PDB file of N, CA and C in Angstrom:
ATOM      1  N   MET A   1    -126.062-136.450-125.190  1.00  0.00           N
ATOM      2  CA  MET A   1    -125.391-135.550-124.283  1.00  0.00           C
ATOM      3  C   MET A   1    -126.445-134.650-123.640  1.00  0.00           C
ATOM      4  N   THR A   2    -126.259-134.368-122.384  1.00  0.00           N
ATOM      5  CA  THR A   2    -127.178-133.495-121.659  1.00  0.00           C
ATOM      6  C   THR A   2    -126.494-132.161-121.396  1.00  0.00           C
ATOM      7  N   TRP A   3    -127.237-131.091-121.595  1.00  0.00           N
ATOM      8  CA  TRP A   3    -126.734-129.738-121.428  1.00  0.00           C
ATOM      9  C   TRP A   3    -127.401-129.085-120.234  1.00  0.00           C
ATOM     10  N   CYS A   4    -126.625-128.340-119.454  1.00  0.00           N
ATOM     11  CA  CYS A   4    -127.140-127.597-118.298  1.00  0.00           C
ATOM     12  C   CYS A   4    -127.235-126.122-118.653  1.00  0.00           C
ATOM     13  N   ILE A   5    -128.321-125.507-118.212  1.00  0.00           N
ATOM     14  CA  ILE A   5    -128.468-124.070-118.308  1.00  0.00           C
ATOM     15  C   ILE A   5    -128.270-123.555-116.889  1.00  0.00           C
ATOM     16  N   GLU A   6    -127.286-122.681-116.711  1.00  0.00           N
ATOM     17  CA  GLU A   6    -126.951-122.196-115.380  1.00  0.00           C
ATOM     18  C   GLU A   6    -127.170-120.690-115.275  1.00  0.00           C
ATOM     19  N   TRP A   7    -127.569-120.260-114.097  1.00  0.00           N
ATOM     20  CA  TRP A   7    -127.703-118.845-113.770  1.00  0.00           C
ATOM     21  C   TRP A   7    -126.529-118.472-112.888  1.00  0.00           C
ATOM     22  N   ASN A   8    -125.843-117.394-113.242  1.00  0.00           N
ATOM     23  CA  ASN A   8    -124.697-116.914-112.482  1.00  0.00           C
ATOM     24  C   ASN A   8    -125.181-115.886-111.461  1.00  0.00           C
ATOM     25  N   THR A   9    -124.968-116.154-110.184  1.00  0.00           N
ATOM     26  CA  THR A   9    -125.416-115.236-109.139  1.00  0.00           C
ATOM     27  C   THR A   9    -124.495-114.030-108.987  1.00  0.00           C
ATOM     28  N   ALA A  10    -123.330-114.070-109.617  1.00  0.00           N
ATOM     29  CA  ALA A  10    -122.379-112.955-109.532  1.00  0.00           C
ATOM     30  C   ALA A  10    -121.825-112.630-110.922  1.00  0.00           C
ATOM     31  N   PRO A  11    -122.696-112.236-111.856  1.00  0.00           N
ATOM     32  CA  PRO A  11    -122.213-111.995-113.217  1.00  0.00           C
ATOM     33  C   PRO A  11    -121.352-110.746-113.322  1.00  0.00           C
ATOM     34  N   GLN A  12    -120.366-110.811-114.205  1.00  0.00           N
ATOM     35  CA  GLN A  12    -119.523-109.647-114.504  1.00  0.00           C
ATOM     36  C   GLN A  12    -120.279-108.673-115.414  1.00  0.00           C
ATOM     37  N   SER A  13    -121.181-109.225-116.229  1.00  0.00           N
ATOM     38  CA  SER A  13    -121.998-108.423-117.139  1.00  0.00           C
ATOM     39  C   SER A  13    -123.277-109.199-117.427  1.00  0.00           C
ATOM     40  N   ASP A  14    -124.206-108.573-118.146  1.00  0.00           N
ATOM     41  CA  ASP A  14    -125.454-109.250-118.491  1.00  0.00           C
ATOM     42  C   ASP A  14    -125.190-110.473-119.364  1.00  0.00           C
ATOM     43  N   LEU A  15    -124.143-110.423-120.176  1.00  0.00           N
ATOM     44  CA  LEU A  15    -123.808-111.552-121.046  1.00  0.00           C
ATOM     45  C   LEU A  15    -123.330-112.753-120.241  1.00  0.00           C
ATOM     46  N   ASP A  16    -122.895-112.538-119.019  1.00  0.00           N
ATOM     47  CA  ASP A  16    -122.365-113.587-118.156  1.00  0.00           C
ATOM     48  C   ASP A  16    -123.414-114.139-117.176  1.00  0.00           C
ATOM     49  N   SER A  17    -124.663-113.672-117.300  1.00  0.00           N
ATOM     50  CA  SER A  17    -125.673-114.074-116.322  1.00  0.00           C
ATOM     51  C   SER A  17    -126.209-115.488-116.556  1.00  0.00           C
ATOM     52  N   ILE A  18    -126.146-115.962-117.789  1.00  0.00           N
ATOM     53  CA  ILE A  18    -126.597-117.319-118.131  1.00  0.00           C
ATOM     54  C   ILE A  18    -125.443-118.046-118.806  1.00  0.00           C
ATOM     55  N   HIS A  19    -125.265-119.304-118.439  1.00  0.00           N
ATOM     56  CA  HIS A  19    -124.166-120.108-118.969  1.00  0.00           C
ATOM     57  C   HIS A  19    -124.728-121.465-119.389  1.00  0.00           C
ATOM     58  N   ILE A  20    -124.291-121.983-120.532  1.00  0.00           N
ATOM     59  CA  ILE A  20    -124.714-123.297-121.017  1.00  0.00           C
ATOM     60  C   ILE A  20    -123.475-124.157-121.194  1.00  0.00           C
ATOM     61  N   ASP A  21    -123.514-125.367-120.617  1.00  0.00           N
ATOM     62  CA  ASP A  21    -122.375-126.277-120.713  1.00  0.00           C
ATOM     63  C   ASP A  21    -122.874-127.706-120.503  1.00  0.00           C
ATOM     64  N   THR A  22    -122.011-128.676-120.751  1.00  0.00           N
ATOM     65  CA  THR A  22    -122.404-130.071-120.557  1.00  0.00           C
ATOM     66  C   THR A  22    -122.467-130.408-119.069  1.00  0.00           C
ATOM     67  N   VAL A  23    -123.254-131.398-118.746  1.00  0.00           N
ATOM     68  CA  VAL A  23    -123.384-131.844-117.353  1.00  0.00           C
ATOM     69  C   VAL A  23    -122.022-132.223-116.790  1.00  0.00           C
ATOM     70  N   GLU A  24    -121.216-132.917-117.573  1.00  0.00           N
ATOM     71  CA  GLU A  24    -119.901-133.357-117.117  1.00  0.00           C
ATOM     72  C   GLU A  24    -118.998-132.181-116.760  1.00  0.00           C
ATOM     73  N   ARG A  25    -118.982-131.163-117.605  1.00  0.00           N
ATOM     74  CA  ARG A  25    -118.120-130.005-117.333  1.00  0.00           C
ATOM     75  C   ARG A  25    -118.621-129.205-116.129  1.00  0.00           C
ATOM     76  N   VAL A  26    -119.934-129.079-116.018  1.00  0.00           N
ATOM     77  CA  VAL A  26    -120.508-128.367-114.867  1.00  0.00           C
ATOM     78  C   VAL A  26    -120.131-129.083-113.569  1.00  0.00           C
ATOM     79  N   ALA A  27    -120.291-130.392-113.560  1.00  0.00           N
ATOM     80  CA  ALA A  27    -119.968-131.169-112.352  1.00  0.00           C
ATOM     81  C   ALA A  27    -118.489-131.055-112.009  1.00  0.00           C
ATOM     82  N   GLU A  28    -117.619-131.145-113.000  1.00  0.00           N
ATOM     83  CA  GLU A  28    -116.179-131.054-112.759  1.00  0.00           C
ATOM     84  C   GLU A  28    -115.795-129.675-112.233  1.00  0.00           C
ATOM     85  N   ARG A  29    -116.331-128.616-112.829  1.00  0.00           N
ATOM     86  CA  ARG A  29    -116.021-127.256-112.378  1.00  0.00           C
ATOM     87  C   ARG A  29    -116.478-127.045-110.929  1.00  0.00           C
ATOM     88  N   ASN A  30    -117.697-127.481-110.626  1.00  0.00           N
ATOM     89  CA  ASN A  30    -118.205-127.332-109.261  1.00  0.00           C
ATOM     90  C   ASN A  30    -117.392-128.152-108.263  1.00  0.00           C
ATOM     91  N   ARG A  31    -116.988-129.357-108.654  1.00  0.00           N
ATOM     92  CA  ARG A  31    -116.173-130.200-107.777  1.00  0.00           C
ATOM     93  C   ARG A  31    -114.853-129.517-107.454  1.00  0.00           C
ATOM     94  N   ARG A  32    -114.190-128.955-108.477  1.00  0.00           N
ATOM     95  CA  ARG A  32    -112.913-128.262-108.268  1.00  0.00           C
ATOM     96  C   ARG A  32    -113.086-127.049-107.355  1.00  0.00           C
ATOM     97  N   MET A  33    -114.134-126.285-107.586  1.00  0.00           N
ATOM     98  CA  MET A  33    -114.361-125.107-106.752  1.00  0.00           C
ATOM     99  C   MET A  33    -114.578-125.505-105.297  1.00  0.00           C
ATOM    100  N   LEU A  34    -115.386-126.542-105.071  1.00  0.00           N
ATOM    101  CA  LEU A  34    -115.649-126.982-103.701  1.00  0.00           C
ATOM    102  C   LEU A  34    -114.385-127.509-103.037  1.00  0.00           C
ATOM    103  N   GLU A  35    -113.544-128.220-103.794  1.00  0.00           N
ATOM    104  CA  GLU A  35    -112.270-128.702-103.243  1.00  0.00           C
ATOM    105  C   GLU A  35    -111.382-127.552-102.812  1.00  0.00           C
ATOM    106  N   GLN A  36    -111.490-126.414-103.488  1.00  0.00           N
ATOM    107  CA  GLN A  36    -110.686-125.235-103.169  1.00  0.00           C
ATOM    108  C   GLN A  36    -111.352-124.381-102.089  1.00  0.00           C
ATOM    109  N   GLY A  37    -112.472-124.846-101.554  1.00  0.00           N
ATOM    110  CA  GLY A  37    -113.169-124.103-100.508  1.00  0.00           C
ATOM    111  C   GLY A  37    -114.010-122.953-101.025  1.00  0.00           C
ATOM    112  N   LYS A  38    -114.276-122.939-102.325  1.00  0.00           N
ATOM    113  CA  LYS A  38    -115.081-121.885-102.931  1.00  0.00           C
ATOM    114  C   LYS A  38    -116.500-122.383-103.158  1.00  0.00           C
ATOM    115  N   VAL A  39    -117.454-121.488-103.073  1.00  0.00           N
ATOM    116  CA  VAL A  39    -118.845-121.829-103.348  1.00  0.00           C
ATOM    117  C   VAL A  39    -119.127-121.474-104.809  1.00  0.00           C
ATOM    118  N   PRO A  40    -119.621-122.427-105.599  1.00  0.00           N
ATOM    119  CA  PRO A  40    -119.943-122.128-106.998  1.00  0.00           C
ATOM    120  C   PRO A  40    -120.974-121.000-107.088  1.00  0.00           C
ATOM    121  N   THR A  41    -120.804-120.125-108.077  1.00  0.00           N
ATOM    122  CA  THR A  41    -121.753-119.034-108.283  1.00  0.00           C
ATOM    123  C   THR A  41    -122.747-119.340-109.399  1.00  0.00           C
ATOM    124  N   TYR A  42    -122.567-120.446-110.093  1.00  0.00           N
ATOM    125  CA  TYR A  42    -123.497-120.868-111.127  1.00  0.00           C
ATOM    126  C   TYR A  42    -124.417-121.947-110.568  1.00  0.00           C
ATOM    127  N   PHE A  43    -125.725-121.777-110.780  1.00  0.00           N
ATOM    128  CA  PHE A  43    -126.703-122.744-110.316  1.00  0.00           C
ATOM    129  C   PHE A  43    -127.550-123.211-111.486  1.00  0.00           C
ATOM    130  N   VAL A  44    -127.753-124.514-111.597  1.00  0.00           N
ATOM    131  CA  VAL A  44    -128.500-125.094-112.706  1.00  0.00           C
ATOM    132  C   VAL A  44    -129.969-124.702-112.585  1.00  0.00           C
ATOM    133  N   ILE A  45    -130.492-124.115-113.671  1.00  0.00           N
ATOM    134  CA  ILE A  45    -131.905-123.735-113.708  1.00  0.00           C
ATOM    135  C   ILE A  45    -132.684-124.577-114.712  1.00  0.00           C
ATOM    136  N   GLY A  46    -131.972-125.424-115.472  1.00  0.00           N
ATOM    137  CA  GLY A  46    -132.637-126.284-116.433  1.00  0.00           C
ATOM    138  C   GLY A  46    -131.648-127.207-117.120  1.00  0.00           C
ATOM    139  N   VAL A  47    -132.187-128.227-117.765  1.00  0.00           N
ATOM    140  CA  VAL A  47    -131.378-129.150-118.555  1.00  0.00           C
ATOM    141  C   VAL A  47    -132.056-129.357-119.896  1.00  0.00           C
ATOM    142  N   ALA A  48    -131.249-129.708-120.896  1.00  0.00           N
ATOM    143  CA  ALA A  48    -131.762-129.901-122.245  1.00  0.00           C
ATOM    144  C   ALA A  48    -130.977-131.010-122.933  1.00  0.00           C
ATOM    145  N   GLU A  49    -131.573-131.571-123.948  1.00  0.00           N
ATOM    146  CA  GLU A  49    -130.930-132.642-124.713  1.00  0.00           C
ATOM    147  C   GLU A  49    -130.062-132.114-125.854  1.00  0.00           C
ATOM    148  N   THR A  50    -130.319-130.877-126.285  1.00  0.00           N
ATOM    149  CA  THR A  50    -129.545-130.302-127.390  1.00  0.00           C
ATOM    150  C   THR A  50    -129.133-128.871-127.036  1.00  0.00           C
ATOM    151  N   PRO A  51    -128.054-128.378-127.662  1.00  0.00           N
ATOM    152  CA  PRO A  51    -127.663-126.986-127.422  1.00  0.00           C
ATOM    153  C   PRO A  51    -128.761-125.999-127.838  1.00  0.00           C
ATOM    154  N   GLY A  52    -129.454-126.295-128.919  1.00  0.00           N
ATOM    155  CA  GLY A  52    -130.543-125.412-129.370  1.00  0.00           C
ATOM    156  C   GLY A  52    -131.660-125.317-128.345  1.00  0.00           C
ATOM    157  N   GLU A  53    -132.026-126.453-127.777  1.00  0.00           N
ATOM    158  CA  GLU A  53    -133.047-126.467-126.737  1.00  0.00           C
ATOM    159  C   GLU A  53    -132.558-125.703-125.503  1.00  0.00           C
ATOM    160  N   ALA A  54    -131.291-125.851-125.171  1.00  0.00           N
ATOM    161  CA  ALA A  54    -130.717-125.136-124.029  1.00  0.00           C
ATOM    162  C   ALA A  54    -130.757-123.628-124.258  1.00  0.00           C
ATOM    163  N   ARG A  55    -130.429-123.189-125.470  1.00  0.00           N
ATOM    164  CA  ARG A  55    -130.482-121.759-125.781  1.00  0.00           C
ATOM    165  C   ARG A  55    -131.907-121.227-125.659  1.00  0.00           C
ATOM    166  N   GLN A  56    -132.885-122.026-126.077  1.00  0.00           N
ATOM    167  CA  GLN A  56    -134.281-121.591-125.979  1.00  0.00           C
ATOM    168  C   GLN A  56    -134.712-121.460-124.521  1.00  0.00           C
ATOM    169  N   ILE A  57    -134.299-122.395-123.692  1.00  0.00           N
ATOM    170  CA  ILE A  57    -134.610-122.312-122.260  1.00  0.00           C
ATOM    171  C   ILE A  57    -133.973-121.056-121.660  1.00  0.00           C
ATOM    172  N   ALA A  58    -132.726-120.777-122.037  1.00  0.00           N
ATOM    173  CA  ALA A  58    -132.037-119.581-121.539  1.00  0.00           C
ATOM    174  C   ALA A  58    -132.750-118.311-121.991  1.00  0.00           C
ATOM    175  N   THR A  59    -133.173-118.278-123.238  1.00  0.00           N
ATOM    176  CA  THR A  59    -133.906-117.114-123.770  1.00  0.00           C
ATOM    177  C   THR A  59    -135.208-116.912-123.011  1.00  0.00           C
ATOM    178  N   ASP A  60    -135.943-117.998-122.798  1.00  0.00           N
ATOM    179  CA  ASP A  60    -137.206-117.918-122.057  1.00  0.00           C
ATOM    180  C   ASP A  60    -136.980-117.457-120.622  1.00  0.00           C
ATOM    181  N   TYR A  61    -135.921-117.960-119.987  1.00  0.00           N
ATOM    182  CA  TYR A  61    -135.610-117.575-118.607  1.00  0.00           C
ATOM    183  C   TYR A  61    -135.316-116.081-118.527  1.00  0.00           C
ATOM    184  N   ARG A  62    -134.510-115.591-119.455  1.00  0.00           N
ATOM    185  CA  ARG A  62    -134.178-114.151-119.461  1.00  0.00           C
ATOM    186  C   ARG A  62    -135.430-113.303-119.654  1.00  0.00           C
ATOM    187  N   ALA A  63    -136.338-113.747-120.518  1.00  0.00           N
ATOM    188  CA  ALA A  63    -137.558-112.986-120.767  1.00  0.00           C
ATOM    189  C   ALA A  63    -138.448-112.947-119.522  1.00  0.00           C
ATOM    190  N   GLN A  64    -138.456-114.011-118.753  1.00  0.00           N
ATOM    191  CA  GLN A  64    -139.290-114.076-117.554  1.00  0.00           C
ATOM    192  C   GLN A  64    -138.628-113.452-116.339  1.00  0.00           C
ATOM    193  N   ASN A  65    -137.299-113.268-116.391  1.00  0.00           N
ATOM    194  CA  ASN A  65    -136.535-112.743-115.245  1.00  0.00           C
ATOM    195  C   ASN A  65    -135.590-111.644-115.704  1.00  0.00           C
ATOM    196  N   PRO A  66    -136.148-110.489-116.070  1.00  0.00           N
ATOM    197  CA  PRO A  66    -135.294-109.410-116.596  1.00  0.00           C
ATOM    198  C   PRO A  66    -134.332-108.837-115.561  1.00  0.00           C
TER     199      PRO A  66
END
């Protein structure tokens, strides 16, 4: 399974600024939003093979982009 690390361009809070989910769910959510005429606010900044690796990428991203 492949995991996406996404950055939220419109977070409600700092906890909502990074999101981790499967490629399939990310694609489905974005497809639905586009069908509704909405622009997705989450953008993929990385991919990982495991949830642990995805969390590490997210941690590193936050440290480099405070």
